[in-house]
Protein backbone atom coordinates (compact mmCIF):
# COMPACT_ATOMS: atom_id res chain seq x y z
CA MET A 1 0.00 0.00 0.00
CA ASP A 2 1.19 3.53 -0.75
CA PHE A 3 1.10 6.45 1.70
CA LYS A 4 -2.26 7.69 0.40
CA SER A 5 -3.94 4.29 0.82
CA ILE A 6 -2.52 3.84 4.34
CA LEU A 7 -3.64 7.34 5.35
CA ILE A 8 -7.18 6.85 4.03
CA ALA A 9 -7.45 3.41 5.67
CA PHE A 10 -6.28 4.78 9.04
CA ASP A 11 -8.71 7.69 8.68
CA ASP A 12 -11.60 5.27 8.13
CA ILE A 13 -10.64 3.02 11.06
CA LEU A 14 -10.10 5.97 13.44
CA TYR A 15 -13.54 7.46 12.84
CA THR A 16 -15.57 4.32 12.19
CA TRP A 17 -14.47 2.33 15.22
CA LEU A 18 -13.40 4.89 17.82
CA LEU A 19 -13.87 8.61 17.42
CA ILE A 20 -17.49 8.62 16.33
CA TYR A 21 -18.48 6.83 19.55
CA LEU A 22 -16.12 8.80 21.78
CA LEU A 23 -17.29 12.19 20.51
CA ALA A 24 -20.98 11.37 20.53
CA GLY A 25 -20.77 9.57 23.86
CA ALA A 26 -18.89 12.38 25.58
CA GLY A 27 -21.21 15.02 24.14
CA ILE A 28 -24.29 13.10 25.30
CA PHE A 29 -22.78 12.56 28.77
CA PHE A 30 -21.93 16.26 29.15
CA THR A 31 -25.37 17.24 27.84
CA VAL A 32 -27.20 15.03 30.33
CA ARG A 33 -24.90 15.82 33.26
CA THR A 34 -25.22 19.59 32.75
CA LYS A 35 -28.99 19.21 32.23
CA PHE A 36 -28.77 20.46 28.64
CA VAL A 37 -26.80 23.60 29.56
CA GLN A 38 -26.37 24.43 25.84
CA ILE A 39 -30.14 24.86 25.52
CA ARG A 40 -31.22 25.66 29.07
CA ARG A 41 -28.76 28.55 29.47
CA ILE A 42 -28.80 29.84 25.91
CA ARG A 43 -30.03 33.34 26.87
CA GLU A 44 -27.29 33.65 29.49
CA ALA A 45 -24.78 32.36 26.95
CA VAL A 46 -25.66 35.26 24.67
CA ALA A 47 -25.37 37.71 27.59
CA CYS A 48 -21.97 36.25 28.55
CA MET A 49 -20.82 36.48 24.93
CA LEU A 50 -21.63 40.20 24.84
CA GLU A 51 -20.12 40.95 28.25
CA ARG A 52 -17.25 43.40 28.02
CA GLY A 53 -14.71 43.81 30.80
CA SER A 54 -13.04 47.04 31.82
CA LYS A 55 -9.55 45.74 30.99
CA GLY A 56 -7.82 42.86 29.27
CA VAL A 57 -9.35 40.49 26.74
CA SER A 58 -13.15 40.47 27.10
CA SER A 59 -15.32 37.38 26.79
CA PHE A 60 -16.53 38.73 23.44
CA GLN A 61 -12.98 39.24 22.13
CA ALA A 62 -11.96 35.73 23.19
CA LEU A 63 -15.08 34.41 21.47
CA MET A 64 -14.19 36.27 18.27
CA ILE A 65 -10.64 34.89 18.33
CA ALA A 66 -12.00 31.34 18.68
CA THR A 67 -14.67 31.96 16.03
CA ALA A 68 -12.07 33.40 13.65
CA SER A 69 -10.17 30.12 13.92
CA ARG A 70 -13.32 27.99 13.64
CA VAL A 71 -14.79 29.83 10.67
CA GLY A 72 -12.87 28.93 7.56
CA THR A 73 -12.94 26.86 4.42
CA GLY A 74 -14.28 23.86 6.34
CA ASN A 75 -17.62 25.66 6.47
CA MET A 76 -17.69 25.57 2.68
CA ALA A 77 -15.39 22.85 1.32
CA GLY A 78 -16.08 20.49 4.22
CA VAL A 79 -19.85 20.77 3.88
CA ALA A 80 -19.67 20.34 0.09
CA THR A 81 -17.46 17.26 0.42
CA ALA A 82 -19.73 15.69 3.05
CA ILE A 83 -22.89 16.19 0.96
CA ILE A 84 -21.32 14.94 -2.27
CA LEU A 85 -19.74 11.85 -0.70
CA GLY A 86 -22.32 11.09 1.99
CA GLY A 87 -25.53 12.66 0.72
CA PRO A 88 -27.76 15.51 1.98
CA GLY A 89 -28.34 13.68 5.28
CA ALA A 90 -24.81 14.63 6.34
CA ALA A 91 -26.22 18.09 7.12
CA PHE A 92 -28.48 16.66 9.85
CA TRP A 93 -25.57 14.86 11.53
CA MET A 94 -23.50 18.06 11.42
CA TRP A 95 -26.34 19.94 13.11
CA LEU A 96 -26.81 17.24 15.73
CA MET A 97 -23.07 17.11 16.49
CA ALA A 98 -23.05 20.91 16.91
CA ILE A 99 -25.80 20.76 19.53
CA ILE A 100 -24.36 17.76 21.35
CA GLY A 101 -20.76 18.90 20.89
CA SER A 102 -21.46 22.37 22.28
CA ALA A 103 -21.72 20.74 25.72
CA SER A 104 -18.15 19.47 25.21
CA ALA A 105 -17.13 22.99 24.17
CA PHE A 106 -18.67 24.31 27.39
CA VAL A 107 -16.70 21.86 29.56
CA GLU A 108 -13.32 22.36 27.87
CA SER A 109 -13.55 26.16 27.86
CA THR A 110 -14.65 26.25 31.52
CA LEU A 111 -11.66 24.07 32.43
CA ALA A 112 -9.34 26.33 30.41
CA GLN A 113 -10.54 29.31 32.46
CA ILE A 114 -10.17 27.50 35.79
CA TYR A 115 -6.57 26.46 35.09
CA LYS A 116 -5.35 29.49 33.15
CA LYS A 117 -2.06 31.21 34.06
CA LYS A 118 -0.96 34.80 34.18
CA ASP A 119 1.01 35.87 31.13
CA GLY A 120 2.37 39.40 31.52
CA SER A 121 -0.67 41.64 31.67
CA GLY A 122 -2.97 38.91 30.38
CA PHE A 123 -3.63 35.18 30.65
CA LYS A 124 -2.70 32.00 28.80
CA GLY A 125 -3.98 28.47 28.99
CA GLY A 126 -5.64 25.60 27.20
CA PRO A 127 -5.71 21.80 27.35
CA ALA A 128 -1.95 21.43 27.94
CA TYR A 129 -2.33 23.60 31.05
CA TYR A 130 -5.42 21.91 32.49
CA ILE A 131 -3.79 18.55 31.83
CA GLU A 132 -0.66 19.65 33.68
CA LYS A 133 -2.48 21.19 36.65
CA GLY A 134 -5.68 19.15 36.80
CA LEU A 135 -4.14 15.70 36.21
CA ASN A 136 -0.59 16.50 37.38
CA ALA A 137 0.65 14.99 34.12
CA HIS A 138 3.10 17.29 32.34
CA TRP A 139 4.06 14.49 29.94
CA LEU A 140 0.46 14.17 28.77
CA GLY A 141 0.28 17.95 28.33
CA VAL A 142 3.33 17.69 26.08
CA LEU A 143 1.74 14.82 24.13
CA PHE A 144 -1.42 16.88 23.61
CA SER A 145 0.64 19.87 22.50
CA ILE A 146 2.42 17.71 19.93
CA SER A 147 -0.92 16.45 18.60
CA LEU A 148 -2.30 20.01 18.39
CA ILE A 149 0.83 21.21 16.59
CA ALA A 150 0.53 18.34 14.09
CA THR A 151 -3.15 19.12 13.57
CA PHE A 152 -3.07 22.88 13.18
CA ALA A 153 0.38 23.62 11.78
CA PHE A 154 0.56 20.63 9.45
CA GLY A 155 -2.83 18.95 8.92
CA PHE A 156 -5.13 21.98 8.92
CA ASN A 157 -2.75 24.46 7.33
CA GLY A 158 -1.88 22.06 4.55
CA LEU A 159 -5.61 21.67 3.91
CA GLN A 160 -6.20 25.43 3.99
CA ALA A 161 -3.48 25.88 1.36
CA TYR A 162 -5.11 23.18 -0.77
CA ASN A 163 -8.48 24.92 -0.50
CA ILE A 164 -6.98 28.24 -1.63
CA VAL A 165 -5.47 26.54 -4.68
CA SER A 166 -8.68 24.61 -5.43
CA SER A 167 -10.65 27.88 -5.51
CA PHE A 168 -8.76 28.71 -8.75
CA PHE A 169 -9.50 25.36 -10.45
CA VAL A 170 -12.80 26.74 -11.76
CA TYR A 171 -10.94 29.20 -13.99
CA SER A 172 -9.00 26.52 -15.90
CA ASP A 173 -9.39 22.75 -16.21
CA ALA A 174 -5.64 22.43 -16.72
CA LEU A 175 -4.66 24.31 -13.55
CA ALA A 176 -4.61 21.27 -11.26
CA ASP A 177 -1.99 19.51 -13.41
CA SER A 178 0.15 22.58 -14.03
CA ILE A 179 2.93 24.30 -12.11
CA TRP A 180 0.50 26.89 -10.72
CA PRO A 181 -0.49 25.03 -7.52
CA ALA A 182 3.22 24.98 -6.58
CA VAL A 183 3.61 28.68 -7.47
CA ILE A 184 0.56 29.64 -5.41
CA GLY A 185 1.78 27.38 -2.59
CA VAL A 186 5.21 29.06 -2.52
CA PHE A 187 3.55 32.49 -2.43
CA ILE A 188 1.20 31.53 0.43
CA ALA A 189 4.08 29.90 2.33
CA ALA A 190 6.32 32.96 1.90
CA VAL A 191 3.66 35.41 3.12
CA SER A 192 2.76 33.09 5.98
CA LEU A 193 6.40 32.70 7.02
CA TYR A 194 6.73 36.48 7.16
CA MET A 195 3.67 36.64 9.43
CA PHE A 196 5.01 33.82 11.61
CA PHE A 197 8.11 35.86 12.35
CA ALA A 198 6.37 39.26 12.43
CA GLY A 199 4.06 38.46 15.34
CA ASP A 200 0.33 38.53 16.00
CA VAL A 201 -0.52 41.41 13.65
CA LEU A 202 -2.84 39.59 11.29
CA GLY A 203 -4.21 37.53 14.18
CA LYS A 204 -5.80 40.68 15.60
CA VAL A 205 -7.06 41.76 12.19
CA SER A 206 -8.57 38.33 11.50
CA SER A 207 -10.80 38.53 14.58
CA VAL A 208 -12.49 41.49 12.87
CA LEU A 209 -12.11 40.50 9.21
CA VAL A 210 -13.41 36.94 9.46
CA PRO A 211 -16.75 37.79 11.13
CA VAL A 212 -17.31 40.46 8.44
CA MET A 213 -16.63 37.94 5.67
CA ALA A 214 -18.84 35.40 7.47
CA VAL A 215 -21.71 37.88 7.52
CA MET A 216 -21.24 38.54 3.79
CA TYR A 217 -21.35 34.80 3.11
CA ILE A 218 -24.48 34.39 5.24
CA VAL A 219 -26.12 37.28 3.36
CA LEU A 220 -25.47 35.41 0.10
CA GLY A 221 -27.03 32.31 1.62
CA LEU A 222 -30.07 34.28 2.81
CA PHE A 223 -30.49 35.65 -0.71
CA VAL A 224 -30.53 32.10 -2.08
CA ILE A 225 -33.04 31.00 0.55
CA MET A 226 -35.33 34.03 0.10
CA THR A 227 -35.39 33.60 -3.68
CA ASN A 228 -36.18 29.89 -3.34
CA LEU A 229 -38.59 29.83 -0.40
CA PRO A 230 -40.96 27.24 -1.96
CA MET A 231 -38.05 24.76 -1.99
CA ILE A 232 -37.54 24.77 1.81
CA PRO A 233 -39.95 21.88 2.58
CA SER A 234 -38.50 19.66 -0.14
CA VAL A 235 -34.91 20.44 0.89
CA LEU A 236 -35.61 19.64 4.55
CA HIS A 237 -37.44 16.46 3.53
CA ARG A 238 -34.45 15.42 1.46
CA ILE A 239 -32.06 16.03 4.37
CA PHE A 240 -34.08 14.13 6.98
CA GLU A 241 -35.04 11.29 4.66
CA ASP A 242 -31.39 10.71 3.78
CA ALA A 243 -30.22 11.15 7.39
CA PHE A 244 -32.42 8.29 8.57
CA ASP A 245 -31.86 5.91 5.68
CA PHE A 246 -30.26 3.39 7.99
CA GLN A 247 -29.93 0.73 5.30
CA ALA A 248 -27.69 3.08 3.30
CA ILE A 249 -25.83 4.21 6.43
CA PHE A 250 -24.93 0.77 7.73
CA GLY A 251 -24.47 -0.65 4.25
CA GLY A 252 -21.42 1.57 3.77
CA PHE A 253 -20.74 3.02 7.21
CA THR A 254 -17.35 4.65 6.59
CA GLY A 255 -18.71 6.66 3.67
CA SER A 256 -22.16 7.25 5.11
CA CYS A 257 -23.81 10.59 5.74
CA MET A 258 -23.51 9.94 9.49
CA VAL A 259 -19.74 9.46 9.56
CA LEU A 260 -19.02 12.19 7.02
CA GLY A 261 -21.36 14.60 8.80
CA ILE A 262 -19.61 14.00 12.12
CA LYS A 263 -16.14 14.32 10.53
CA ARG A 264 -16.95 17.56 8.76
CA GLY A 265 -18.85 18.89 11.77
CA LEU A 266 -15.84 18.33 14.02
CA PHE A 267 -13.44 19.86 11.50
CA SER A 268 -15.68 22.91 11.22
CA ASN A 269 -16.73 23.69 14.81
CA GLU A 270 -13.83 21.98 16.66
CA ALA A 271 -16.10 21.27 19.67
CA GLY A 272 -14.26 19.07 22.15
CA MET A 273 -11.11 19.07 20.07
CA GLY A 274 -9.08 21.26 22.43
CA SER A 275 -8.42 24.26 20.17
CA ALA A 276 -10.89 26.92 21.34
CA PRO A 277 -9.79 26.59 25.01
CA ASN A 278 -6.48 28.18 24.02
CA ALA A 279 -8.44 31.36 23.19
CA SER A 280 -10.99 30.95 26.00
CA ALA A 281 -8.27 31.05 28.65
CA SER A 282 -7.28 34.59 27.63
CA ALA A 283 -10.66 36.14 28.57
CA VAL A 284 -11.02 38.27 31.69
CA VAL A 285 -14.26 37.11 33.34
CA SER A 286 -15.54 36.95 36.91
CA HIS A 287 -16.44 33.27 36.66
CA PRO A 288 -15.05 30.49 34.39
CA VAL A 289 -18.55 29.30 33.46
CA LYS A 290 -19.20 32.60 31.68
CA GLN A 291 -16.60 31.78 29.06
CA GLY A 292 -17.82 28.21 28.84
CA LEU A 293 -21.30 29.50 28.04
CA ALA A 294 -19.94 31.99 25.50
CA GLN A 295 -18.19 29.22 23.58
CA ILE A 296 -21.51 27.45 23.08
CA ILE A 297 -22.53 30.40 20.91
CA SER A 298 -19.32 30.11 18.87
CA VAL A 299 -20.19 26.49 17.97
CA TYR A 300 -23.71 27.51 16.97
CA ILE A 301 -22.46 30.41 14.84
CA ASP A 302 -20.05 28.10 13.04
CA THR A 303 -22.28 25.13 12.30
CA LEU A 304 -25.92 26.15 12.65
CA LEU A 305 -25.42 29.44 10.79
CA ILE A 306 -22.44 29.29 8.45
CA CYS A 307 -22.39 25.57 7.60
CA SER A 308 -26.16 25.72 7.11
CA THR A 309 -25.61 28.53 4.62
CA SER A 310 -23.50 26.17 2.53
CA VAL A 311 -26.05 23.35 2.90
CA PHE A 312 -28.97 25.41 1.59
CA MET A 313 -26.88 26.96 -1.19
CA ILE A 314 -25.86 23.52 -2.44
CA LEU A 315 -29.33 21.98 -2.26
CA MET A 316 -31.42 24.97 -3.35
CA THR A 317 -29.32 25.87 -6.38
CA GLU A 318 -29.16 22.16 -7.24
CA GLY A 319 -25.39 22.47 -7.36
CA TYR A 320 -25.48 19.04 -5.71
CA GLU A 321 -26.30 17.65 -9.13
CA ALA A 322 -23.28 19.31 -10.80
CA ALA A 323 -21.09 16.61 -12.31
CA ASN A 324 -17.54 16.05 -11.03
CA LEU A 325 -17.60 18.98 -8.60
CA THR A 326 -16.92 18.93 -4.87
CA GLY A 327 -15.24 21.12 -2.27
CA ILE A 328 -14.70 24.79 -3.11
CA PRO A 329 -15.44 24.42 -6.86
CA LEU A 330 -18.93 23.14 -5.96
CA ILE A 331 -19.61 26.17 -3.74
CA GLN A 332 -18.41 28.43 -6.56
CA GLU A 333 -20.80 26.72 -8.98
CA CYS A 334 -23.67 27.22 -6.51
CA ALA A 335 -22.82 30.92 -6.17
CA ARG A 336 -22.68 31.24 -9.98
CA ARG A 337 -26.14 29.73 -10.26
CA ALA A 338 -27.42 32.09 -7.57
CA ILE A 339 -26.02 35.47 -8.68
CA GLY A 340 -24.16 34.85 -11.93
CA PRO A 341 -20.41 34.92 -12.74
CA ALA A 342 -19.76 37.46 -9.96
CA GLY A 343 -20.58 34.70 -7.48
CA VAL A 344 -17.52 32.71 -8.54
CA TYR A 345 -15.20 35.65 -7.86
CA PHE A 346 -16.99 36.42 -4.60
CA ILE A 347 -16.42 32.88 -3.28
CA THR A 348 -12.79 32.92 -4.46
CA VAL A 349 -12.11 36.09 -2.44
CA ILE A 350 -13.90 34.72 0.65
CA VAL A 351 -12.04 31.41 0.45
CA CYS A 352 -8.65 33.11 0.18
CA LEU A 353 -9.37 35.41 3.12
CA PHE A 354 -10.90 32.66 5.28
CA ALA A 355 -8.11 30.22 4.51
CA PHE A 356 -5.26 32.68 5.00
CA THR A 357 -6.54 34.08 8.28
CA SER A 358 -7.16 30.50 9.43
CA ILE A 359 -3.55 29.64 8.54
CA ILE A 360 -2.32 32.47 10.75
CA GLY A 361 -4.76 31.65 13.57
CA ASN A 362 -3.87 27.95 13.41
CA TYR A 363 -0.18 28.81 13.56
CA PHE A 364 -0.59 30.90 16.71
CA TYR A 365 -2.45 28.04 18.42
CA ALA A 366 0.45 25.79 17.46
CA GLU A 367 3.10 28.29 18.59
CA ALA A 368 1.44 28.62 22.00
CA ASN A 369 1.82 24.86 22.41
CA ILE A 370 5.43 24.89 21.15
CA ARG A 371 6.11 27.40 23.94
CA PHE A 372 4.47 25.04 26.44
CA ILE A 373 6.97 22.36 25.44
CA THR A 374 10.11 24.49 25.15
CA LYS A 375 11.31 28.08 25.45
CA ASN A 376 14.17 27.46 22.97
CA ASN A 377 13.99 30.09 20.19
CA THR A 378 15.98 27.92 17.76
CA VAL A 379 13.36 25.19 18.01
CA LEU A 380 10.63 27.78 17.50
CA ASN A 381 12.32 29.21 14.40
CA LEU A 382 12.80 25.75 12.89
CA PHE A 383 9.14 25.04 13.57
CA ARG A 384 8.13 28.24 11.74
CA VAL A 385 10.07 27.12 8.67
CA ALA A 386 8.60 23.61 8.83
CA ALA A 387 5.07 25.04 9.11
CA ALA A 388 5.67 27.17 6.02
CA VAL A 389 7.00 24.16 4.10
CA MET A 390 3.87 22.19 4.99
CA ILE A 391 1.72 24.99 3.57
CA MET A 392 3.61 24.69 0.29
CA VAL A 393 3.24 20.89 0.30
CA GLY A 394 -0.48 21.12 1.10
CA ALA A 395 -1.06 23.32 -1.93
CA CYS A 396 0.25 20.58 -4.22
CA VAL A 397 -1.35 17.39 -2.86
CA ASP A 398 -4.63 15.92 -4.08
CA MET A 399 -7.94 16.33 -2.26
CA GLU A 400 -8.07 12.88 -0.63
CA ILE A 401 -4.61 13.21 0.92
CA ALA A 402 -5.31 16.76 2.13
CA TRP A 403 -8.58 15.81 3.84
CA SER A 404 -7.37 12.46 5.23
CA LEU A 405 -4.23 13.98 6.77
CA ALA A 406 -6.33 16.68 8.46
CA ASN A 407 -8.84 14.05 9.64
CA VAL A 408 -6.16 11.82 11.18
CA THR A 409 -4.26 14.55 13.03
CA MET A 410 -7.55 16.11 14.19
CA GLY A 411 -8.80 12.73 15.38
CA LEU A 412 -5.72 11.98 17.47
CA GLU A 413 -5.88 15.41 19.13
CA ALA A 414 -9.60 15.04 19.84
CA ILE A 415 -9.12 11.60 21.44
CA ILE A 416 -6.63 12.96 23.97
CA ASN A 417 -8.71 16.03 24.80
CA ILE A 418 -12.04 14.20 25.10
CA ILE A 419 -10.56 11.61 27.48
CA VAL A 420 -8.96 14.38 29.57
CA ILE A 421 -12.11 16.50 29.87
CA LEU A 422 -14.08 13.38 30.81
CA LEU A 423 -11.59 12.80 33.64
CA LEU A 424 -11.78 16.46 34.74
CA SER A 425 -15.47 16.99 34.06
CA LYS A 426 -16.46 16.92 37.76
CA ILE A 427 -14.55 20.17 38.21
CA ALA A 428 -16.46 21.84 35.37
CA PHE A 429 -19.77 20.50 36.72
CA ALA A 430 -18.92 21.84 40.19
CA ALA A 431 -18.12 25.24 38.68
CA LEU A 432 -21.50 25.20 36.89
CA ASP A 433 -23.28 24.36 40.16
CA ASP A 434 -21.46 27.23 41.88
CA TYR A 435 -22.41 29.61 39.07
CA GLU A 436 -26.07 28.60 39.20
CA LYS A 437 -26.26 28.89 43.00
CA GLN A 438 -25.01 32.46 42.75
CA THR A 439 -27.35 33.41 39.89
CA LYS A 440 -30.33 32.05 41.86
CA LYS A 441 -29.45 34.54 44.60
CA GLY A 442 -29.45 37.35 42.04
CA LYS A 443 -25.68 37.78 42.14
CA ASP A 444 -23.25 38.40 39.30
CA PRO A 445 -21.24 35.19 39.87
CA VAL A 446 -17.67 35.54 41.16
CA PHE A 447 -15.42 32.49 41.35
CA HIS A 448 -12.87 31.44 43.95
CA GLU A 449 -11.15 28.06 43.86
CA SER A 450 -12.33 27.29 47.39
CA ASN A 451 -15.94 27.48 46.14
CA ILE A 452 -15.51 24.02 44.63
CA GLY A 453 -12.76 22.66 46.88
CA LEU A 454 -9.76 23.34 44.63
CA THR A 455 -6.32 24.43 45.83
CA ASN A 456 -4.23 24.19 42.64
CA THR A 457 -5.33 27.12 40.43
CA ASP A 458 -3.07 30.07 39.67
CA VAL A 459 -5.49 33.01 39.37
CA TRP A 460 -8.61 32.09 41.38
CA LYS A 461 -7.17 32.16 44.92
């Protein structure tokens, strides 16, 4: 077997026999144990999202940083791939995983807040830190950091580069087999490498730019929906009918709408994967649960709003029927059918901006975990070069390798984080109980580690 065949086979085994059950099981457990916090506390989640502190990174700013990383080409290319390969029913399983998975997002972001550390005038944290402090297992924190670095700097960024290149395939049938993917890859890698060394300049810009581009994309989707309102019942019928065609699902489980919907849903919203907690830890809030609630909204924005935009565009414009199209080219075809040739250029611009800002955001997540492992600047500089090389490589590989590599690295990271937050979940549940006791008394909740019997936090003494 060649590398591609091995990678695809491992991808199938990982999701079919392990991750699908671990993710769904953990999400259901957290949902039941928190008494459906993602639905029951939705109004408070919105209030927490909009809460602005007097100094430092606000809950809203931390949410936007996490959303900027979540929102990317996966919302378009991932959805298109899932529907083409698995059928329209994949949309239902993405929606379901968003609702269930948002409970996992709540737990991991609450834990990130509880175990965050001071970092100059701000805070830092994430899974590596709550593993180190909560489980007293520095080695496991290092292992998680390595898996996150592999996922974001190599798996995801290689895929983002591929998606940028694929957005140009629509302009020429010969582009994929020409030298241009390599040329574009070198250009993206060079600009990215400059940003890696320059610092978090574009990272701050992306937290503003990406939501603006997301709104523009949603507006396009709303236009498609409003101009095709009579199709809504038939589209929903198609989604639900396909989602519950269990003979088709279990007849080819690895390529079914269920598995592909869960894969693409995880890639898109990252709930339970351990990425968003790196941003959540930076927020200045009076109680860790506030940031946990805010991150529920981020998952909903990503999947229930933006991914749904792609779903309805594909099914309402009947782009789903377009021959030999998937990923970004399929979304471009749908936009062309909706608003004419300008739609193709519009999607190309959005893809390039989403993908590039995601590359930068992914890199900074990875760098934060490099710094958890070592403070050696030589190692960091070598990592920056390696990350840029992977961007160039990603631009030149084929679609199956790009997606399978991202799936595998993402899956390994998610396995570690889900197991860890299951082990530490009692702490998050206790924090939620403390928060709810205070809100029942009409208080604006304030957290101290002694409230839940902890003695090992750094900032909640």
